[in-house]
N, C-alpha and C. Protein backbone atom coordinates (compact mmCIF):
# COMPACT_ATOMS: atom_id res chain seq x y z
N UNK A 1 2.14 -54.75 -14.12
CA UNK A 1 2.77 -55.78 -13.32
C UNK A 1 3.36 -56.85 -14.24
N UNK A 2 4.59 -57.22 -14.00
CA UNK A 2 5.26 -58.24 -14.79
C UNK A 2 4.94 -59.61 -14.22
N UNK A 3 4.63 -60.53 -15.12
CA UNK A 3 4.41 -61.91 -14.69
C UNK A 3 5.71 -62.67 -14.88
N UNK A 4 5.98 -63.56 -13.98
CA UNK A 4 7.20 -64.35 -14.04
C UNK A 4 6.85 -65.82 -14.13
N UNK A 5 7.78 -66.57 -14.69
CA UNK A 5 7.62 -68.01 -14.70
C UNK A 5 8.07 -68.55 -13.35
N UNK A 6 7.43 -69.61 -12.92
CA UNK A 6 7.83 -70.19 -11.64
C UNK A 6 9.22 -70.80 -11.76
N UNK A 7 9.90 -70.86 -10.65
CA UNK A 7 11.24 -71.48 -10.63
C UNK A 7 11.15 -72.94 -11.04
N UNK A 8 10.07 -73.60 -10.64
CA UNK A 8 9.90 -75.02 -11.00
C UNK A 8 9.77 -75.19 -12.51
N UNK A 9 9.04 -74.31 -13.16
CA UNK A 9 8.88 -74.38 -14.61
C UNK A 9 10.21 -74.17 -15.31
N UNK A 10 10.96 -73.15 -14.90
CA UNK A 10 12.25 -72.87 -15.51
C UNK A 10 13.24 -74.01 -15.28
N UNK A 11 13.26 -74.55 -14.06
CA UNK A 11 14.15 -75.68 -13.76
C UNK A 11 13.80 -76.89 -14.60
N UNK A 12 12.50 -77.17 -14.73
CA UNK A 12 12.05 -78.31 -15.53
C UNK A 12 12.48 -78.17 -16.98
N UNK A 13 12.33 -76.99 -17.54
CA UNK A 13 12.69 -76.77 -18.94
C UNK A 13 14.21 -76.72 -19.13
N UNK A 14 14.92 -76.21 -18.17
CA UNK A 14 16.39 -76.19 -18.27
C UNK A 14 16.96 -77.60 -18.21
N UNK A 15 16.31 -78.48 -17.44
CA UNK A 15 16.77 -79.86 -17.29
C UNK A 15 16.22 -80.80 -18.38
N UNK A 16 15.38 -80.28 -19.23
CA UNK A 16 14.76 -81.10 -20.27
C UNK A 16 15.82 -81.64 -21.23
N UNK A 17 15.74 -82.92 -21.54
CA UNK A 17 16.68 -83.51 -22.48
C UNK A 17 16.54 -82.84 -23.84
N UNK A 18 17.67 -82.55 -24.46
CA UNK A 18 17.67 -81.85 -25.75
C UNK A 18 16.87 -82.61 -26.79
N UNK A 19 16.97 -83.93 -26.79
CA UNK A 19 16.24 -84.74 -27.77
C UNK A 19 14.73 -84.56 -27.62
N UNK A 20 14.26 -84.44 -26.39
CA UNK A 20 12.83 -84.22 -26.15
C UNK A 20 12.44 -82.83 -26.64
N UNK A 21 13.28 -81.85 -26.38
CA UNK A 21 13.01 -80.49 -26.86
C UNK A 21 12.96 -80.46 -28.38
N UNK A 22 13.90 -81.12 -29.04
CA UNK A 22 13.89 -81.16 -30.50
C UNK A 22 12.59 -81.75 -31.02
N UNK A 23 12.19 -82.86 -30.43
CA UNK A 23 10.95 -83.51 -30.85
C UNK A 23 9.74 -82.60 -30.64
N UNK A 24 9.77 -81.81 -29.58
CA UNK A 24 8.64 -80.94 -29.25
C UNK A 24 8.53 -79.72 -30.14
N UNK A 25 9.65 -79.19 -30.61
CA UNK A 25 9.60 -77.92 -31.34
C UNK A 25 9.79 -78.06 -32.85
N UNK A 26 10.25 -79.22 -33.29
CA UNK A 26 10.51 -79.41 -34.72
C UNK A 26 9.38 -80.17 -35.39
N UNK A 27 9.24 -79.95 -36.69
CA UNK A 27 8.24 -80.70 -37.46
C UNK A 27 8.83 -82.03 -37.92
N UNK A 28 10.17 -82.13 -37.93
CA UNK A 28 10.83 -83.38 -38.29
C UNK A 28 12.18 -83.43 -37.58
N UNK A 29 12.46 -84.57 -36.96
CA UNK A 29 13.74 -84.79 -36.30
C UNK A 29 14.20 -86.19 -36.66
N UNK A 30 15.43 -86.29 -37.16
CA UNK A 30 15.95 -87.59 -37.54
C UNK A 30 17.40 -87.69 -37.07
N UNK A 31 17.69 -88.73 -36.29
CA UNK A 31 19.07 -88.98 -35.87
C UNK A 31 19.85 -89.49 -37.07
N UNK A 32 21.11 -89.11 -37.15
CA UNK A 32 21.98 -89.55 -38.22
C UNK A 32 22.69 -90.83 -37.78
N UNK A 33 22.27 -92.00 -38.29
CA UNK A 33 22.86 -93.27 -37.84
C UNK A 33 24.31 -93.45 -38.30
N UNK A 34 24.75 -92.71 -39.29
CA UNK A 34 26.12 -92.85 -39.80
C UNK A 34 27.12 -91.97 -39.05
N UNK A 35 26.63 -91.09 -38.18
CA UNK A 35 27.52 -90.16 -37.47
C UNK A 35 28.39 -90.89 -36.46
N UNK A 36 29.67 -90.60 -36.47
CA UNK A 36 30.63 -91.16 -35.51
C UNK A 36 31.25 -90.01 -34.74
N UNK A 37 30.96 -89.91 -33.44
CA UNK A 37 31.52 -88.81 -32.64
C UNK A 37 33.04 -88.88 -32.56
N UNK A 38 33.67 -87.73 -32.51
CA UNK A 38 35.13 -87.69 -32.44
C UNK A 38 35.65 -87.32 -31.05
N UNK A 39 34.90 -86.52 -30.29
CA UNK A 39 35.38 -86.08 -28.98
C UNK A 39 34.68 -86.79 -27.82
N UNK A 40 33.38 -86.89 -27.89
CA UNK A 40 32.59 -87.45 -26.79
C UNK A 40 31.65 -88.50 -27.37
N UNK A 41 31.70 -89.70 -26.85
CA UNK A 41 30.89 -90.81 -27.38
C UNK A 41 29.39 -90.55 -27.26
N UNK A 42 28.99 -89.61 -26.38
CA UNK A 42 27.56 -89.30 -26.22
C UNK A 42 27.01 -88.38 -27.30
N UNK A 43 27.88 -87.78 -28.08
CA UNK A 43 27.45 -86.81 -29.09
C UNK A 43 26.65 -87.50 -30.19
N UNK A 44 25.56 -86.83 -30.57
CA UNK A 44 24.71 -87.33 -31.66
C UNK A 44 24.46 -86.20 -32.64
N UNK A 45 24.25 -86.58 -33.90
CA UNK A 45 23.92 -85.58 -34.92
C UNK A 45 22.47 -85.79 -35.33
N UNK A 46 21.75 -84.67 -35.43
CA UNK A 46 20.33 -84.68 -35.76
C UNK A 46 20.08 -83.81 -36.98
N UNK A 47 19.23 -84.29 -37.85
CA UNK A 47 18.73 -83.48 -38.97
C UNK A 47 17.35 -83.01 -38.52
N UNK A 48 17.18 -81.69 -38.50
CA UNK A 48 15.99 -81.08 -37.90
C UNK A 48 15.35 -80.13 -38.90
N UNK A 49 14.03 -80.20 -38.97
CA UNK A 49 13.27 -79.24 -39.78
C UNK A 49 12.28 -78.53 -38.87
N UNK A 50 12.29 -77.20 -38.91
CA UNK A 50 11.32 -76.39 -38.17
C UNK A 50 10.61 -75.47 -39.14
N UNK A 51 9.71 -74.68 -38.63
CA UNK A 51 8.99 -73.71 -39.46
C UNK A 51 9.94 -72.67 -40.05
N UNK A 52 11.17 -72.57 -39.52
CA UNK A 52 12.16 -71.62 -40.02
C UNK A 52 13.19 -72.22 -40.96
N UNK A 53 13.18 -73.55 -41.13
CA UNK A 53 14.13 -74.15 -42.06
C UNK A 53 14.75 -75.43 -41.54
N UNK A 54 15.83 -75.84 -42.22
CA UNK A 54 16.53 -77.08 -41.90
C UNK A 54 17.81 -76.79 -41.13
N UNK A 55 18.12 -77.69 -40.20
CA UNK A 55 19.29 -77.54 -39.35
C UNK A 55 19.99 -78.88 -39.19
N UNK A 56 21.28 -78.80 -38.91
CA UNK A 56 22.05 -79.97 -38.51
C UNK A 56 22.58 -79.64 -37.12
N UNK A 57 22.10 -80.38 -36.13
CA UNK A 57 22.39 -80.08 -34.74
C UNK A 57 23.17 -81.23 -34.11
N UNK A 58 24.26 -80.89 -33.43
CA UNK A 58 24.99 -81.87 -32.62
C UNK A 58 24.56 -81.68 -31.18
N UNK A 59 24.34 -82.79 -30.47
CA UNK A 59 23.98 -82.70 -29.06
C UNK A 59 24.91 -83.59 -28.24
N UNK A 60 25.27 -83.07 -27.08
CA UNK A 60 26.03 -83.82 -26.09
C UNK A 60 25.49 -83.41 -24.74
N UNK A 61 24.75 -84.30 -24.10
CA UNK A 61 24.11 -83.93 -22.84
C UNK A 61 23.15 -82.79 -23.08
N UNK A 62 23.29 -81.73 -22.29
CA UNK A 62 22.39 -80.57 -22.46
C UNK A 62 22.97 -79.54 -23.43
N UNK A 63 24.14 -79.79 -23.96
CA UNK A 63 24.77 -78.85 -24.90
C UNK A 63 24.35 -79.17 -26.33
N UNK A 64 24.28 -78.13 -27.17
CA UNK A 64 23.93 -78.31 -28.58
C UNK A 64 24.79 -77.37 -29.42
N UNK A 65 24.93 -77.75 -30.70
CA UNK A 65 25.72 -76.94 -31.63
C UNK A 65 25.09 -77.04 -33.01
N UNK A 66 24.80 -75.89 -33.61
CA UNK A 66 24.26 -75.82 -34.96
C UNK A 66 25.47 -75.75 -35.90
N UNK A 67 25.71 -76.84 -36.64
CA UNK A 67 26.91 -76.92 -37.47
C UNK A 67 26.91 -75.94 -38.63
N UNK A 68 25.74 -75.58 -39.11
CA UNK A 68 25.66 -74.67 -40.26
C UNK A 68 25.83 -73.21 -39.85
N UNK A 69 25.20 -72.83 -38.74
CA UNK A 69 25.31 -71.45 -38.26
C UNK A 69 26.56 -71.26 -37.40
N UNK A 70 27.19 -72.36 -37.02
CA UNK A 70 28.36 -72.34 -36.14
C UNK A 70 28.06 -71.61 -34.84
N UNK A 71 26.91 -72.00 -34.25
CA UNK A 71 26.44 -71.41 -33.00
C UNK A 71 26.04 -72.55 -32.08
N UNK A 72 26.36 -72.40 -30.82
CA UNK A 72 25.98 -73.43 -29.86
C UNK A 72 25.48 -72.82 -28.58
N UNK A 73 25.00 -73.69 -27.72
CA UNK A 73 24.48 -73.22 -26.45
C UNK A 73 24.15 -74.40 -25.56
N UNK A 74 23.43 -74.10 -24.53
CA UNK A 74 23.07 -75.15 -23.58
C UNK A 74 21.63 -75.02 -23.15
N UNK A 75 20.96 -76.14 -23.15
CA UNK A 75 19.60 -76.21 -22.64
C UNK A 75 18.52 -76.05 -23.69
N UNK A 76 17.36 -76.55 -23.33
CA UNK A 76 16.21 -76.58 -24.23
C UNK A 76 15.68 -75.18 -24.55
N UNK A 77 15.71 -74.29 -23.58
CA UNK A 77 15.19 -72.93 -23.81
C UNK A 77 16.06 -72.22 -24.84
N UNK A 78 17.36 -72.30 -24.65
CA UNK A 78 18.31 -71.68 -25.58
C UNK A 78 18.16 -72.26 -26.99
N UNK A 79 18.01 -73.57 -27.08
CA UNK A 79 17.84 -74.23 -28.37
C UNK A 79 16.55 -73.77 -29.05
N UNK A 80 15.48 -73.67 -28.30
CA UNK A 80 14.20 -73.21 -28.84
C UNK A 80 14.31 -71.78 -29.34
N UNK A 81 14.98 -70.94 -28.60
CA UNK A 81 15.19 -69.55 -29.03
C UNK A 81 15.93 -69.53 -30.36
N UNK A 82 16.96 -70.35 -30.48
CA UNK A 82 17.78 -70.37 -31.69
C UNK A 82 17.02 -70.92 -32.89
N UNK A 83 16.42 -72.08 -32.73
CA UNK A 83 15.77 -72.73 -33.88
C UNK A 83 14.50 -72.03 -34.35
N UNK A 84 13.78 -71.42 -33.43
CA UNK A 84 12.51 -70.80 -33.79
C UNK A 84 12.56 -69.28 -33.82
N UNK A 85 13.71 -68.70 -33.47
CA UNK A 85 13.85 -67.24 -33.49
C UNK A 85 12.96 -66.56 -32.46
N UNK A 86 12.84 -67.16 -31.29
CA UNK A 86 11.95 -66.64 -30.26
C UNK A 86 12.72 -65.93 -29.15
N UNK A 87 12.02 -65.06 -28.45
CA UNK A 87 12.58 -64.45 -27.25
C UNK A 87 12.58 -65.50 -26.14
N UNK A 88 13.25 -65.19 -25.04
CA UNK A 88 13.27 -66.10 -23.90
C UNK A 88 11.85 -66.40 -23.43
N UNK A 89 11.06 -65.36 -23.26
CA UNK A 89 9.69 -65.53 -22.77
C UNK A 89 8.88 -66.41 -23.72
N UNK A 90 8.96 -66.14 -25.01
CA UNK A 90 8.20 -66.93 -25.98
C UNK A 90 8.70 -68.36 -26.07
N UNK A 91 9.99 -68.57 -25.91
CA UNK A 91 10.54 -69.93 -25.93
C UNK A 91 10.04 -70.73 -24.73
N UNK A 92 10.02 -70.10 -23.57
CA UNK A 92 9.51 -70.78 -22.37
C UNK A 92 8.03 -71.11 -22.54
N UNK A 93 7.27 -70.17 -23.05
CA UNK A 93 5.84 -70.42 -23.29
C UNK A 93 5.65 -71.58 -24.26
N UNK A 94 6.41 -71.58 -25.36
CA UNK A 94 6.28 -72.63 -26.38
C UNK A 94 6.61 -74.00 -25.80
N UNK A 95 7.73 -74.10 -25.09
CA UNK A 95 8.10 -75.37 -24.49
C UNK A 95 7.10 -75.81 -23.43
N UNK A 96 6.61 -74.87 -22.65
CA UNK A 96 5.63 -75.20 -21.60
C UNK A 96 4.37 -75.82 -22.19
N UNK A 97 3.97 -75.32 -23.36
CA UNK A 97 2.78 -75.85 -24.03
C UNK A 97 3.07 -77.20 -24.66
N UNK A 98 4.26 -77.37 -25.21
CA UNK A 98 4.61 -78.58 -25.97
C UNK A 98 5.04 -79.76 -25.10
N UNK A 99 5.58 -79.50 -23.91
CA UNK A 99 6.15 -80.56 -23.08
C UNK A 99 5.42 -80.61 -21.74
N UNK A 100 4.94 -81.80 -21.37
CA UNK A 100 4.22 -81.95 -20.11
C UNK A 100 5.18 -81.89 -18.92
N UNK A 101 4.63 -81.84 -17.74
CA UNK A 101 5.46 -81.71 -16.54
C UNK A 101 6.35 -82.93 -16.30
N UNK A 102 6.02 -84.08 -16.91
CA UNK A 102 6.87 -85.26 -16.75
C UNK A 102 7.90 -85.38 -17.87
N UNK A 103 8.04 -84.32 -18.68
CA UNK A 103 9.07 -84.29 -19.72
C UNK A 103 8.70 -84.99 -21.01
N UNK A 104 7.43 -85.23 -21.22
CA UNK A 104 6.99 -85.87 -22.46
C UNK A 104 6.29 -84.86 -23.35
N UNK A 105 6.39 -85.12 -24.66
CA UNK A 105 5.73 -84.24 -25.62
C UNK A 105 4.23 -84.41 -25.53
N UNK A 106 3.54 -83.27 -25.52
CA UNK A 106 2.07 -83.32 -25.54
C UNK A 106 1.62 -83.49 -26.98
N UNK A 107 0.56 -84.21 -27.16
CA UNK A 107 0.05 -84.45 -28.53
C UNK A 107 -0.61 -83.23 -29.10
């Protein structure tokens, strides 16, 4: 029998702010204060370190872009899959453990 994630869990993780997801899955996250967006004023650049290495990530709303790998996507689950090399199921499990139901990182 296959187990499924609840719709509420998936919706919560899909709506999770990218910055919260970065904080939850990375060992180090630092916003680049010198970055000046060119297309959208909401865009931010982050220097991120995970167990798999260092990344430079641009975020705009729920969208993200890895400037070094030249790969982008949308949502916290997709970002977790990319940065940690996880399957969808493992990314959902990891985020579910790291982020509480109110969208805050668990200690």
